[in-house]
Amino acid sequence: MSRLLCLILALACGLFAAPVCAAPADTGDALLLIASGRFPDIEKGVALLARSGDARTQAIIEALRDGRLAVAADKRVVIEGANGGWSDAATGEALAEAPPSPKAVRLNNRIRRAVEAALGALTLMAPDAAARRQAAEAVFRSRDATALATLDEAIAREEVAGIRRLMGEARAAILLGDAGASDLQKIEAVDILVTRADQDALALLRAAAAQGSPTVREAAEGAITAVERRLAVLSMLQNVWYGLSLGSVLLLAAIGLAITFGVMGIINMAHGEMVMIGAYTTFVIQELARTHAPGLFDWTLPLAIPVAFLVAALVGALIERGIIRHLYGRPLETLLATWGVSLILQQTVRSLFGPTNREVGAPSYMAGAFDLGGLTITYGRLWIIVFSFAVFSALIVALKATSFGLKIRAVTQNRRMAASMGIRTPWVDTMAFALGSGIAGVAGVALSQIDNVSPNLGQSYIVDSFMVVVFGGVGNLWGTLVSALTLGIANKFLEPFAGAVLGKILLLVFLILFIQKRPRGLFALRGRAVEA
């Protein structure tokens, strides 16, 4: 009787427990392949898992990707949880105790690509649009033919046009490399990849032109020509963008020099050190935020702008009052004196902060990039360009709409006449020098985001700043703007052909020849003193 009861209980457990606990046949077979430890079998197991339709598939493949999938001594495949616990990969049940001698499943590059393709296929129909977008990109990169059926279903269900386009491109990439696809399907795939028009699409089209039938080869070669033409245009536009970003940096560095050089006629070799002071002011503010108020780190740059302006302006005013005012009308002595001041400032910063580079972090809103019609636009460069034009606009308004700006323009055009009208030219000189130094300090805040903050930071920009000022026209802010953007764009177009160093040499030679023809630059100031 007891044996009969045991038999009935065993049958009941087999009938009712198996559907709940046992894994589908495909999943079980896939786990057996993975447990074998051989790379080809593991790759086959991943592909089988992706086709199984089991709800636990994604968790298993993610554990494999993260190194949390292991094979125990009893050949069970187990998953290590984030909290240190273990679960059975086949059933999903938590294990009461750790499995005996678990060994993580090894991966190679082929298996990693298979895992990426499988996860991409599994998330093609995820509720989250960002996950679907990433999945479509993953399938495009892997070009796994096993994802084709899932991809077709996902395209039919997708409502977001941009994601549906990415899925269509992934499908085209698969078909173009599929030996079983017809010529008509491959030609349609070529037409789709032409609209993508990036380096990945170009590589696929070149492979199709080398291996396809004559009909496919002809379509692919025409598509290659169109894509290369578009990439050439995008490359030119990208160089223009890089040139604008470089020009905005030169504008920030040179705009303060344009004021001091134009108003006072002083060759200020310490101007670069004002930029350095602004950068180190930013560093100090960020260090204080990291130490005392980490939650305010994103506000450090907006806070550093007025502080750097005031610190650099104060240093500039002290230099003008203490040294430069005694050397007016003696340009060579002024050049030597300001060069000595630059060396003193550099050594002071080395003594305070050390000779090594200092880290200045980027706020969250300046990190990352976005794509604009094929152009890669980094948020950091975009903010610097906007900031440069904002500083330039504010300076133009200050010079045109304030009494202080009127006095600066009067002194620039005719110092003696301005003095005879009651303008205190020494006071204007001090304030103008402080203003130019303060703007250089603000430039240091921006440059701290794209260059190394070190005692030699200013030396990298002093020569370029003088080139910008002389080329645009001494004392003319609009000339400084045009000159900075022109030299920045020209430099970026010369770099691919001549290199960075030779490109700057060529620009310098051009500038020397240009000054021979137009000594006053692009936009010469008008005035009795100037024309005299």
Protein backbone atom coordinates (compact mmCIF):
# COMPACT_ATOMS: atom_id res chain seq x y z
CA MET A 1 0.00 0.00 0.00
CA SER A 2 2.81 2.36 0.91
CA ARG A 3 4.57 1.59 -2.38
CA LEU A 4 1.37 2.38 -4.31
CA LEU A 5 1.01 5.68 -2.43
CA CYS A 6 4.58 6.62 -3.20
CA LEU A 7 4.01 5.82 -6.87
CA ILE A 8 0.90 8.01 -6.98
CA LEU A 9 2.75 10.89 -5.28
CA ALA A 10 5.63 10.58 -7.70
CA LEU A 11 3.28 10.69 -10.69
CA ALA A 12 1.55 13.73 -9.23
CA CYS A 13 4.85 15.52 -8.78
CA GLY A 14 5.80 14.64 -12.32
CA LEU A 15 2.51 15.94 -13.74
CA PHE A 16 2.21 19.15 -11.76
CA ALA A 17 5.75 20.19 -10.84
CA ALA A 18 7.37 19.73 -14.21
CA PRO A 19 5.51 22.51 -16.07
CA VAL A 20 6.33 24.95 -13.30
CA CYS A 21 9.97 24.16 -12.64
CA ALA A 22 11.41 22.62 -15.75
CA ALA A 23 12.96 24.77 -18.47
CA PRO A 24 11.75 24.61 -22.07
CA ALA A 25 13.61 22.11 -24.19
CA ASP A 26 15.43 24.81 -26.18
CA THR A 27 16.63 26.51 -23.00
CA GLY A 28 17.78 23.21 -21.52
CA ASP A 29 19.70 22.30 -24.67
CA ALA A 30 21.26 25.77 -24.78
CA LEU A 31 22.40 25.50 -21.17
CA LEU A 32 23.95 22.09 -21.88
CA LEU A 33 25.94 23.65 -24.72
CA ILE A 34 27.03 26.54 -22.49
CA ALA A 35 28.03 24.13 -19.71
CA SER A 36 30.35 22.27 -22.06
CA GLY A 37 32.90 25.12 -21.77
CA ARG A 38 33.85 24.97 -25.48
CA PHE A 39 33.69 28.32 -27.27
CA PRO A 40 31.84 27.08 -30.41
CA ASP A 41 29.25 25.30 -28.24
CA ILE A 42 28.79 28.38 -26.04
CA GLU A 43 28.18 30.49 -29.15
CA LYS A 44 25.59 27.98 -30.39
CA GLY A 45 24.00 27.96 -26.96
CA VAL A 46 23.62 31.75 -26.99
CA ALA A 47 21.94 31.61 -30.42
CA LEU A 48 19.62 28.85 -29.22
CA LEU A 49 18.71 30.85 -26.13
CA ALA A 50 17.81 33.87 -28.29
CA ARG A 51 15.35 31.69 -30.28
CA SER A 52 13.87 29.85 -27.31
CA GLY A 53 11.27 32.45 -26.33
CA ASP A 54 11.83 31.65 -22.66
CA ALA A 55 11.08 34.53 -20.29
CA ARG A 56 14.37 33.87 -18.45
CA THR A 57 16.49 34.17 -21.59
CA GLN A 58 17.40 37.83 -21.16
CA ALA A 59 18.47 37.33 -17.53
CA ILE A 60 20.68 34.37 -18.52
CA ILE A 61 22.36 36.21 -21.40
CA GLU A 62 22.88 39.37 -19.32
CA ALA A 63 24.49 37.22 -16.59
CA LEU A 64 26.77 35.71 -19.26
CA ARG A 65 27.72 39.18 -20.49
CA ASP A 66 28.44 40.42 -16.95
CA GLY A 67 30.47 37.36 -15.94
CA ARG A 68 27.83 36.15 -13.44
CA LEU A 69 26.91 32.93 -15.28
CA ALA A 70 28.79 29.92 -13.90
CA VAL A 71 28.87 26.12 -14.14
CA ALA A 72 28.86 24.23 -10.83
CA ALA A 73 30.72 21.01 -10.14
CA ASP A 74 27.47 19.04 -10.65
CA LYS A 75 27.19 20.57 -14.19
CA ARG A 76 24.30 22.86 -13.26
CA VAL A 77 24.34 26.32 -14.82
CA VAL A 78 23.82 28.90 -12.10
CA ILE A 79 23.53 32.69 -11.90
CA GLU A 80 25.21 34.79 -9.24
CA GLY A 81 22.92 37.55 -8.00
CA ALA A 82 23.88 41.14 -7.28
CA ASN A 83 23.56 40.48 -3.52
CA GLY A 84 25.80 37.42 -3.64
CA GLY A 85 23.04 34.81 -3.74
CA TRP A 86 22.72 32.12 -6.40
CA SER A 87 19.85 30.88 -8.57
CA ASP A 88 19.38 28.01 -11.00
CA ALA A 89 19.57 29.28 -14.59
CA ALA A 90 17.21 26.57 -15.89
CA THR A 91 14.40 27.10 -13.40
CA GLY A 92 15.05 30.57 -11.99
CA GLU A 93 14.66 29.23 -8.44
CA ALA A 94 16.92 30.64 -5.72
CA LEU A 95 19.39 28.18 -4.25
CA ALA A 96 19.40 27.67 -0.51
CA GLU A 97 23.18 27.33 -0.46
CA ALA A 98 26.03 28.17 -2.78
CA PRO A 99 26.61 25.64 -5.59
CA PRO A 100 29.73 23.46 -5.36
CA SER A 101 32.83 24.98 -7.03
CA PRO A 102 31.14 27.35 -9.53
CA LYS A 103 33.34 28.42 -12.46
CA ALA A 104 32.39 31.46 -14.54
CA VAL A 105 31.64 30.76 -18.20
CA ARG A 106 34.50 32.05 -20.35
CA LEU A 107 33.95 34.47 -23.24
CA ASN A 108 35.86 35.36 -26.38
CA ASN A 109 35.23 38.09 -28.94
CA ARG A 110 32.93 35.90 -31.08
CA ILE A 111 30.79 35.03 -28.08
CA ARG A 112 30.66 38.66 -26.97
CA ARG A 113 29.36 39.63 -30.42
CA ALA A 114 26.81 36.80 -30.22
CA VAL A 115 25.72 38.00 -26.77
CA GLU A 116 25.38 41.58 -28.04
CA ALA A 117 23.31 40.41 -31.01
CA ALA A 118 21.08 38.24 -28.81
CA LEU A 119 20.42 41.03 -26.33
CA GLY A 120 19.73 43.39 -29.22
CA ALA A 121 17.16 41.02 -30.67
CA LEU A 122 15.52 40.46 -27.28
CA THR A 123 15.07 44.20 -26.62
CA LEU A 124 13.84 45.18 -30.07
CA MET A 125 10.28 45.20 -28.74
CA ALA A 126 11.01 46.58 -25.29
CA PRO A 127 8.58 49.22 -23.91
CA ASP A 128 11.39 51.76 -23.52
CA ALA A 129 12.17 53.65 -26.75
CA ALA A 130 15.83 54.18 -25.77
CA ALA A 131 16.26 50.43 -25.26
CA ARG A 132 14.76 49.72 -28.69
CA ARG A 133 17.08 52.28 -30.29
CA GLN A 134 20.13 50.69 -28.66
CA ALA A 135 18.91 47.24 -29.69
CA ALA A 136 18.56 48.31 -33.33
CA GLU A 137 22.11 49.72 -33.29
CA ALA A 138 23.38 46.50 -31.69
CA VAL A 139 21.75 44.36 -34.38
CA PHE A 140 23.17 46.65 -37.09
CA ARG A 141 26.68 46.15 -35.70
CA SER A 142 26.36 42.40 -35.19
CA ARG A 143 24.41 41.70 -38.42
CA ASP A 144 23.16 38.45 -36.87
CA ALA A 145 20.85 36.68 -39.34
CA THR A 146 19.02 34.92 -36.48
CA ALA A 147 17.53 38.29 -35.46
CA LEU A 148 15.88 38.83 -38.86
CA ALA A 149 12.47 37.39 -37.95
CA THR A 150 12.36 39.35 -34.67
CA LEU A 151 13.47 42.45 -36.54
CA ASP A 152 10.66 42.13 -39.09
CA GLU A 153 8.11 41.83 -36.30
CA ALA A 154 9.61 44.80 -34.44
CA ILE A 155 9.53 46.98 -37.59
CA ALA A 156 5.85 46.16 -38.09
CA ARG A 157 5.05 47.20 -34.52
CA GLU A 158 7.36 50.23 -34.21
CA GLU A 159 5.61 53.63 -34.10
CA VAL A 160 8.62 55.93 -33.67
CA ALA A 161 9.87 56.90 -37.14
CA GLY A 162 13.52 57.32 -36.15
CA ILE A 163 13.71 53.93 -34.45
CA ARG A 164 11.86 52.27 -37.33
CA ARG A 165 14.47 53.74 -39.70
CA LEU A 166 17.30 52.31 -37.56
CA MET A 167 15.62 48.92 -37.56
CA GLY A 168 15.29 49.08 -41.36
CA GLU A 169 19.00 49.86 -41.63
CA ALA A 170 19.82 46.90 -39.37
CA ARG A 171 17.66 44.66 -41.57
CA ALA A 172 19.40 45.98 -44.69
CA ALA A 173 22.81 45.27 -43.14
CA ILE A 174 21.78 41.67 -42.45
CA LEU A 175 20.36 41.09 -45.93
CA LEU A 176 23.37 42.62 -47.67
CA GLY A 177 25.66 40.08 -46.02
CA ASP A 178 23.27 37.15 -46.33
CA ALA A 179 24.28 34.71 -49.06
CA GLY A 180 20.70 33.42 -49.26
CA ALA A 181 19.15 36.83 -49.97
CA SER A 182 18.05 37.60 -53.53
CA ASP A 183 19.62 40.31 -55.69
CA LEU A 184 16.41 42.33 -55.43
CA GLN A 185 16.57 42.25 -51.62
CA LYS A 186 20.22 43.29 -51.68
CA ILE A 187 19.57 46.17 -54.06
CA GLU A 188 16.78 47.38 -51.75
CA ALA A 189 19.24 47.08 -48.87
CA VAL A 190 21.76 49.18 -50.81
CA ASP A 191 19.15 51.90 -51.31
CA ILE A 192 18.44 51.96 -47.58
CA LEU A 193 22.11 52.11 -46.56
CA VAL A 194 22.74 55.04 -48.92
CA THR A 195 20.47 57.17 -46.73
CA ARG A 196 22.52 56.26 -43.63
CA ALA A 197 25.70 57.48 -45.36
CA ASP A 198 28.28 56.89 -42.63
CA GLN A 199 31.50 54.89 -42.40
CA ASP A 200 29.67 51.73 -41.30
CA ALA A 201 27.35 51.90 -44.29
CA LEU A 202 30.33 52.57 -46.58
CA ALA A 203 32.13 49.46 -45.30
CA LEU A 204 29.03 47.32 -45.95
CA LEU A 205 28.62 48.74 -49.45
CA ARG A 206 32.27 48.09 -50.29
CA ALA A 207 31.94 44.50 -49.13
CA ALA A 208 28.84 44.08 -51.31
CA ALA A 209 30.65 45.59 -54.31
CA ALA A 210 33.50 43.12 -53.85
CA GLN A 211 31.44 39.97 -53.34
CA GLY A 212 28.01 40.52 -54.89
CA SER A 213 26.63 39.64 -58.28
CA PRO A 214 27.19 42.05 -61.21
CA THR A 215 23.79 43.67 -60.61
CA VAL A 216 24.42 44.14 -56.90
CA ARG A 217 27.98 45.29 -57.60
CA GLU A 218 26.77 48.02 -59.95
CA ALA A 219 24.20 49.28 -57.45
CA ALA A 220 26.75 49.18 -54.62
CA GLU A 221 29.38 51.10 -56.61
CA GLY A 222 26.91 53.87 -57.39
CA ALA A 223 25.92 53.99 -53.73
CA ILE A 224 29.59 54.14 -52.68
CA THR A 225 30.13 57.20 -54.88
CA ALA A 226 27.11 58.95 -53.37
CA VAL A 227 28.12 58.11 -49.81
CA GLU A 228 31.74 59.24 -50.34
CA ARG A 229 30.50 62.54 -51.78
CA ARG A 230 28.26 63.13 -48.77
CA LEU A 231 31.02 62.15 -46.34
CA ALA A 232 33.36 64.65 -48.03
CA VAL A 233 30.78 67.41 -47.53
CA LEU A 234 30.26 66.34 -43.91
CA SER A 235 34.02 66.32 -43.36
CA MET A 236 34.25 69.88 -44.67
CA LEU A 237 31.37 70.99 -42.43
CA GLN A 238 32.96 69.21 -39.47
CA ASN A 239 36.18 71.14 -40.11
CA VAL A 240 34.17 74.37 -40.20
CA TRP A 241 32.63 73.45 -36.84
CA TYR A 242 36.05 72.66 -35.35
CA GLY A 243 37.33 75.92 -36.81
CA LEU A 244 34.47 77.87 -35.22
CA SER A 245 35.19 76.27 -31.85
CA LEU A 246 38.90 77.06 -32.16
CA GLY A 247 38.07 80.57 -33.35
CA SER A 248 35.82 81.13 -30.33
CA VAL A 249 38.68 80.12 -28.06
CA LEU A 250 41.03 82.52 -29.87
CA LEU A 251 38.37 85.23 -29.62
CA LEU A 252 38.12 84.82 -25.85
CA ALA A 253 41.90 84.86 -25.47
CA ALA A 254 42.43 87.86 -27.79
CA ILE A 255 39.47 90.12 -27.05
CA GLY A 256 40.99 91.43 -23.82
CA LEU A 257 44.31 92.00 -25.57
CA ALA A 258 42.52 93.96 -28.28
CA ILE A 259 41.34 96.44 -25.63
CA THR A 260 44.69 96.97 -23.90
CA PHE A 261 46.70 96.97 -27.12
CA GLY A 262 44.23 99.23 -28.90
CA VAL A 263 43.67 101.76 -26.12
CA MET A 264 47.11 101.90 -24.59
CA GLY A 265 49.41 100.68 -27.36
CA ILE A 266 51.06 98.29 -24.89
CA ILE A 267 52.47 94.92 -25.92
CA ASN A 268 51.36 93.01 -22.84
CA MET A 269 53.33 89.75 -22.69
CA ALA A 270 51.63 88.90 -19.37
CA HIS A 271 48.19 88.67 -21.01
CA GLY A 272 48.43 84.87 -21.19
CA GLU A 273 49.00 84.73 -17.45
CA MET A 274 45.66 86.49 -16.93
CA VAL A 275 44.11 83.55 -18.78
CA MET A 276 46.05 81.20 -16.50
CA ILE A 277 44.78 83.02 -13.39
CA GLY A 278 41.19 82.57 -14.57
CA ALA A 279 41.76 78.84 -15.09
CA TYR A 280 43.29 78.38 -11.62
CA THR A 281 40.45 80.38 -10.08
CA THR A 282 38.07 77.84 -11.61
CA PHE A 283 40.17 75.02 -10.15
CA VAL A 284 40.08 76.55 -6.65
CA ILE A 285 36.31 77.03 -6.77
CA GLN A 286 35.80 73.43 -7.89
CA GLU A 287 38.06 72.14 -5.12
CA LEU A 288 36.04 74.09 -2.55
CA ALA A 289 32.83 72.67 -4.00
CA ARG A 290 34.20 69.09 -3.94
CA THR A 291 35.26 69.50 -0.32
CA HIS A 292 32.37 71.45 1.19
CA ALA A 293 29.37 71.31 -1.18
CA PRO A 294 29.52 68.43 -3.72
CA GLY A 295 25.90 69.03 -4.67
CA LEU A 296 26.79 72.44 -6.07
CA PHE A 297 29.48 71.17 -8.45
CA ASP A 298 27.37 71.91 -11.56
CA TRP A 299 27.22 75.57 -10.46
CA THR A 300 31.00 75.99 -10.15
CA LEU A 301 31.52 77.29 -13.69
CA PRO A 302 28.78 79.96 -13.52
CA LEU A 303 30.22 81.01 -10.16
CA ALA A 304 33.79 80.99 -11.48
CA ILE A 305 33.02 83.45 -14.30
CA PRO A 306 32.50 86.60 -12.15
CA VAL A 307 35.13 85.53 -9.61
CA ALA A 308 37.76 84.93 -12.30
CA PHE A 309 36.90 88.27 -13.89
CA LEU A 310 37.37 90.13 -10.60
CA VAL A 311 40.59 88.33 -9.64
CA ALA A 312 42.23 88.82 -13.05
CA ALA A 313 41.00 92.44 -13.27
CA LEU A 314 42.49 93.21 -9.85
CA VAL A 315 45.84 91.69 -10.83
CA GLY A 316 45.74 93.64 -14.11
CA ALA A 317 45.00 96.91 -12.33
CA LEU A 318 47.91 96.34 -9.93
CA ILE A 319 50.26 95.65 -12.84
CA GLU A 320 49.16 98.80 -14.65
CA ARG A 321 49.39 101.02 -11.57
CA GLY A 322 52.63 99.52 -10.31
CA ILE A 323 54.66 99.06 -13.50
CA ILE A 324 53.11 99.98 -16.82
CA ARG A 325 52.09 103.57 -16.04
CA HIS A 326 55.77 104.44 -15.59
CA LEU A 327 56.66 103.09 -19.06
CA TYR A 328 54.14 104.76 -21.41
CA GLY A 329 55.76 105.77 -24.68
CA ARG A 330 58.55 103.20 -24.26
CA PRO A 331 57.25 100.08 -26.03
CA LEU A 332 60.44 98.01 -25.78
CA GLU A 333 60.72 98.52 -22.02
CA THR A 334 57.01 97.73 -21.65
CA LEU A 335 57.43 94.46 -23.57
CA LEU A 336 60.38 93.41 -21.39
CA ALA A 337 58.65 94.45 -18.16
CA THR A 338 55.44 92.54 -18.92
CA TRP A 339 57.48 89.52 -19.97
CA GLY A 340 59.18 89.61 -16.59
CA VAL A 341 55.78 89.91 -14.90
CA SER A 342 54.61 86.82 -16.80
CA LEU A 343 57.59 84.83 -15.49
CA ILE A 344 56.90 86.01 -11.93
CA LEU A 345 53.22 85.02 -12.19
CA GLN A 346 54.10 81.61 -13.60
CA GLN A 347 56.56 80.91 -10.79
CA THR A 348 54.07 82.12 -8.18
CA VAL A 349 51.46 79.67 -9.48
CA ARG A 350 54.07 76.88 -9.49
CA SER A 351 54.89 77.62 -5.87
CA LEU A 352 51.21 77.66 -4.83
CA PHE A 353 49.77 74.81 -6.90
CA GLY A 354 52.78 72.85 -8.12
CA PRO A 355 54.13 72.38 -11.67
CA THR A 356 51.81 69.53 -12.66
CA ASN A 357 48.48 69.80 -14.45
CA ARG A 358 45.39 70.33 -12.35
CA GLU A 359 42.06 68.66 -13.02
CA VAL A 360 39.06 70.87 -13.75
CA GLY A 361 35.91 68.85 -14.21
CA ALA A 362 33.05 69.47 -16.61
CA PRO A 363 29.51 70.00 -15.30
CA SER A 364 26.88 67.50 -16.36
CA TYR A 365 25.36 69.88 -18.92
CA MET A 366 28.71 70.17 -20.74
CA ALA A 367 29.34 66.41 -21.01
CA GLY A 368 28.48 64.26 -24.02
CA ALA A 369 27.62 65.05 -27.62
CA PHE A 370 24.78 64.83 -30.10
CA ASP A 371 24.46 64.19 -33.81
CA LEU A 372 23.22 66.94 -36.12
CA GLY A 373 22.73 65.75 -39.69
CA GLY A 374 25.86 63.61 -39.49
CA LEU A 375 27.94 66.21 -37.60
CA THR A 376 29.15 65.37 -34.11
CA ILE A 377 28.50 68.34 -31.84
CA THR A 378 29.99 68.18 -28.34
CA TYR A 379 28.12 70.08 -25.65
CA GLY A 380 31.36 71.45 -24.21
CA ARG A 381 32.44 73.12 -27.46
CA LEU A 382 28.91 74.34 -28.11
CA TRP A 383 28.74 76.05 -24.73
CA ILE A 384 32.15 77.67 -25.27
CA ILE A 385 31.04 79.08 -28.65
CA VAL A 386 27.83 80.45 -27.14
CA PHE A 387 29.77 81.85 -24.19
CA SER A 388 32.35 83.52 -26.45
CA PHE A 389 29.71 85.31 -28.47
CA ALA A 390 27.88 86.29 -25.28
CA VAL A 391 31.06 87.88 -23.87
CA PHE A 392 31.72 89.62 -27.18
CA SER A 393 28.16 90.99 -27.33
CA ALA A 394 28.29 92.18 -23.71
CA LEU A 395 31.59 93.98 -24.41
CA ILE A 396 30.19 95.66 -27.53
CA VAL A 397 27.17 96.88 -25.56
CA ALA A 398 29.44 98.14 -22.76
CA LEU A 399 31.63 100.08 -25.19
CA LYS A 400 28.73 101.50 -27.20
CA ALA A 401 26.10 102.22 -24.57
CA THR A 402 28.00 103.34 -21.45
CA SER A 403 29.95 106.46 -20.57
CA PHE A 404 32.95 104.32 -19.72
CA GLY A 405 32.85 102.79 -23.19
CA LEU A 406 32.59 106.27 -24.73
CA LYS A 407 35.71 107.37 -22.84
CA ILE A 408 37.63 104.29 -23.96
CA ARG A 409 36.72 104.93 -27.60
CA ALA A 410 37.69 108.58 -27.25
CA VAL A 411 41.09 107.74 -25.78
CA THR A 412 41.62 105.07 -28.46
CA GLN A 413 40.99 107.51 -31.32
CA ASN A 414 42.73 110.62 -29.93
CA ARG A 415 44.28 110.58 -26.47
CA ARG A 416 45.29 114.29 -26.39
CA MET A 417 41.89 115.52 -27.52
CA ALA A 418 40.19 113.25 -24.95
CA ALA A 419 42.42 114.67 -22.19
CA SER A 420 41.65 118.23 -23.28
CA MET A 421 37.92 117.42 -22.97
CA GLY A 422 38.36 116.52 -19.31
CA ILE A 423 38.66 112.75 -19.56
CA ARG A 424 41.08 111.35 -16.99
CA THR A 425 43.16 109.28 -19.38
CA PRO A 426 45.28 107.61 -16.64
CA TRP A 427 42.07 106.38 -14.98
CA VAL A 428 40.78 105.16 -18.35
CA ASP A 429 44.08 103.35 -18.92
CA THR A 430 43.83 101.55 -15.58
CA MET A 431 40.19 100.58 -16.06
CA ALA A 432 40.79 99.48 -19.65
CA PHE A 433 43.75 97.34 -18.61
CA ALA A 434 41.68 95.84 -15.77
CA LEU A 435 38.81 95.17 -18.18
CA GLY A 436 41.08 93.44 -20.70
CA SER A 437 42.69 91.38 -17.94
CA GLY A 438 39.28 90.45 -16.51
CA ILE A 439 38.06 89.22 -19.89
CA ALA A 440 41.26 87.16 -20.17
CA GLY A 441 40.40 85.63 -16.79
CA VAL A 442 36.94 84.74 -18.10
CA ALA A 443 38.66 83.13 -21.11
CA GLY A 444 40.62 81.00 -18.63
CA VAL A 445 37.35 79.64 -17.23
CA ALA A 446 36.37 78.42 -20.70
CA LEU A 447 39.85 77.13 -21.58
CA SER A 448 39.95 75.07 -18.39
CA GLN A 449 37.34 72.83 -20.02
CA ILE A 450 39.38 72.02 -23.15
CA ASP A 451 43.03 72.39 -22.14
CA ASN A 452 45.39 71.39 -19.36
CA VAL A 453 45.35 73.77 -16.41
CA SER A 454 49.05 74.34 -15.76
CA PRO A 455 51.40 77.30 -15.18
CA ASN A 456 52.19 77.28 -18.92
CA LEU A 457 48.56 77.55 -20.04
CA GLY A 458 48.78 81.20 -21.08
CA GLN A 459 51.94 80.72 -23.14
CA SER A 460 50.00 78.50 -25.55
CA TYR A 461 47.70 81.36 -26.55
CA ILE A 462 49.72 84.57 -26.30
CA VAL A 463 51.22 84.36 -29.81
CA ASP A 464 47.89 83.36 -31.36
CA SER A 465 46.20 86.24 -29.53
CA PHE A 466 48.62 88.79 -30.98
CA MET A 467 48.13 87.27 -34.45
CA VAL A 468 44.36 87.67 -34.11
CA VAL A 469 44.60 91.28 -32.91
CA VAL A 470 47.10 92.38 -35.59
CA PHE A 471 45.27 90.59 -38.40
CA GLY A 472 41.87 92.00 -37.44
CA GLY A 473 43.02 95.55 -36.83
CA VAL A 474 44.46 96.92 -33.60
CA GLY A 475 41.71 98.03 -31.23
CA ASN A 476 38.83 96.99 -33.50
CA LEU A 477 36.61 94.41 -31.79
CA TRP A 478 34.71 93.46 -34.94
CA GLY A 479 38.03 92.91 -36.66
CA THR A 480 39.08 90.71 -33.74
CA LEU A 481 35.92 88.62 -34.18
CA VAL A 482 36.38 88.15 -37.93
CA SER A 483 40.10 87.51 -37.51
CA ALA A 484 39.64 84.87 -34.77
CA LEU A 485 37.03 82.92 -36.73
CA THR A 486 38.99 83.19 -39.99
CA LEU A 487 42.25 81.99 -38.48
CA GLY A 488 40.49 79.22 -36.55
CA ILE A 489 38.75 77.82 -39.64
CA ALA A 490 41.88 78.21 -41.80
CA ASN A 491 43.94 76.38 -39.20
CA LYS A 492 41.55 73.41 -39.11
CA PHE A 493 41.51 73.14 -42.90
CA LEU A 494 45.32 73.23 -43.06
CA GLU A 495 45.92 70.65 -40.31
CA PRO A 496 44.86 67.53 -42.29
CA PHE A 497 47.25 68.41 -45.13
CA ALA A 498 50.17 70.16 -43.45
CA GLY A 499 49.96 69.07 -39.81
CA ALA A 500 49.39 71.21 -36.74
CA VAL A 501 52.87 72.80 -36.55
CA LEU A 502 53.37 73.43 -40.28
CA GLY A 503 49.81 74.73 -40.52
CA LYS A 504 50.54 77.42 -37.91
CA ILE A 505 53.77 78.31 -39.69
CA LEU A 506 51.91 78.76 -42.97
CA LEU A 507 49.36 81.00 -41.25
CA LEU A 508 52.15 83.07 -39.73
CA VAL A 509 53.82 83.47 -43.13
CA PHE A 510 50.48 84.51 -44.64
CA LEU A 511 49.97 87.01 -41.83
CA ILE A 512 53.42 88.56 -42.37
CA LEU A 513 52.73 88.99 -46.08
CA PHE A 514 49.27 90.39 -45.36
CA ILE A 515 50.62 92.97 -42.89
CA GLN A 516 53.09 94.10 -45.54
CA LYS A 517 50.13 95.11 -47.72
CA ARG A 518 47.74 96.25 -44.96
CA PRO A 519 49.72 97.34 -41.91
CA ARG A 520 46.56 98.29 -39.99
CA GLY A 521 44.86 94.91 -40.47
CA LEU A 522 41.49 94.01 -41.91
CA PHE A 523 39.53 96.78 -40.17
CA ALA A 524 41.65 99.82 -39.33
CA LEU A 525 40.43 102.29 -36.73
CA ARG A 526 39.66 105.83 -37.84
CA GLY A 527 40.83 108.85 -35.87
CA ARG A 528 43.25 111.75 -35.93
CA ALA A 529 45.74 110.14 -33.58
CA VAL A 530 45.50 106.81 -35.35
CA GLU A 531 45.93 108.29 -38.80
CA ALA A 532 48.81 110.41 -37.63
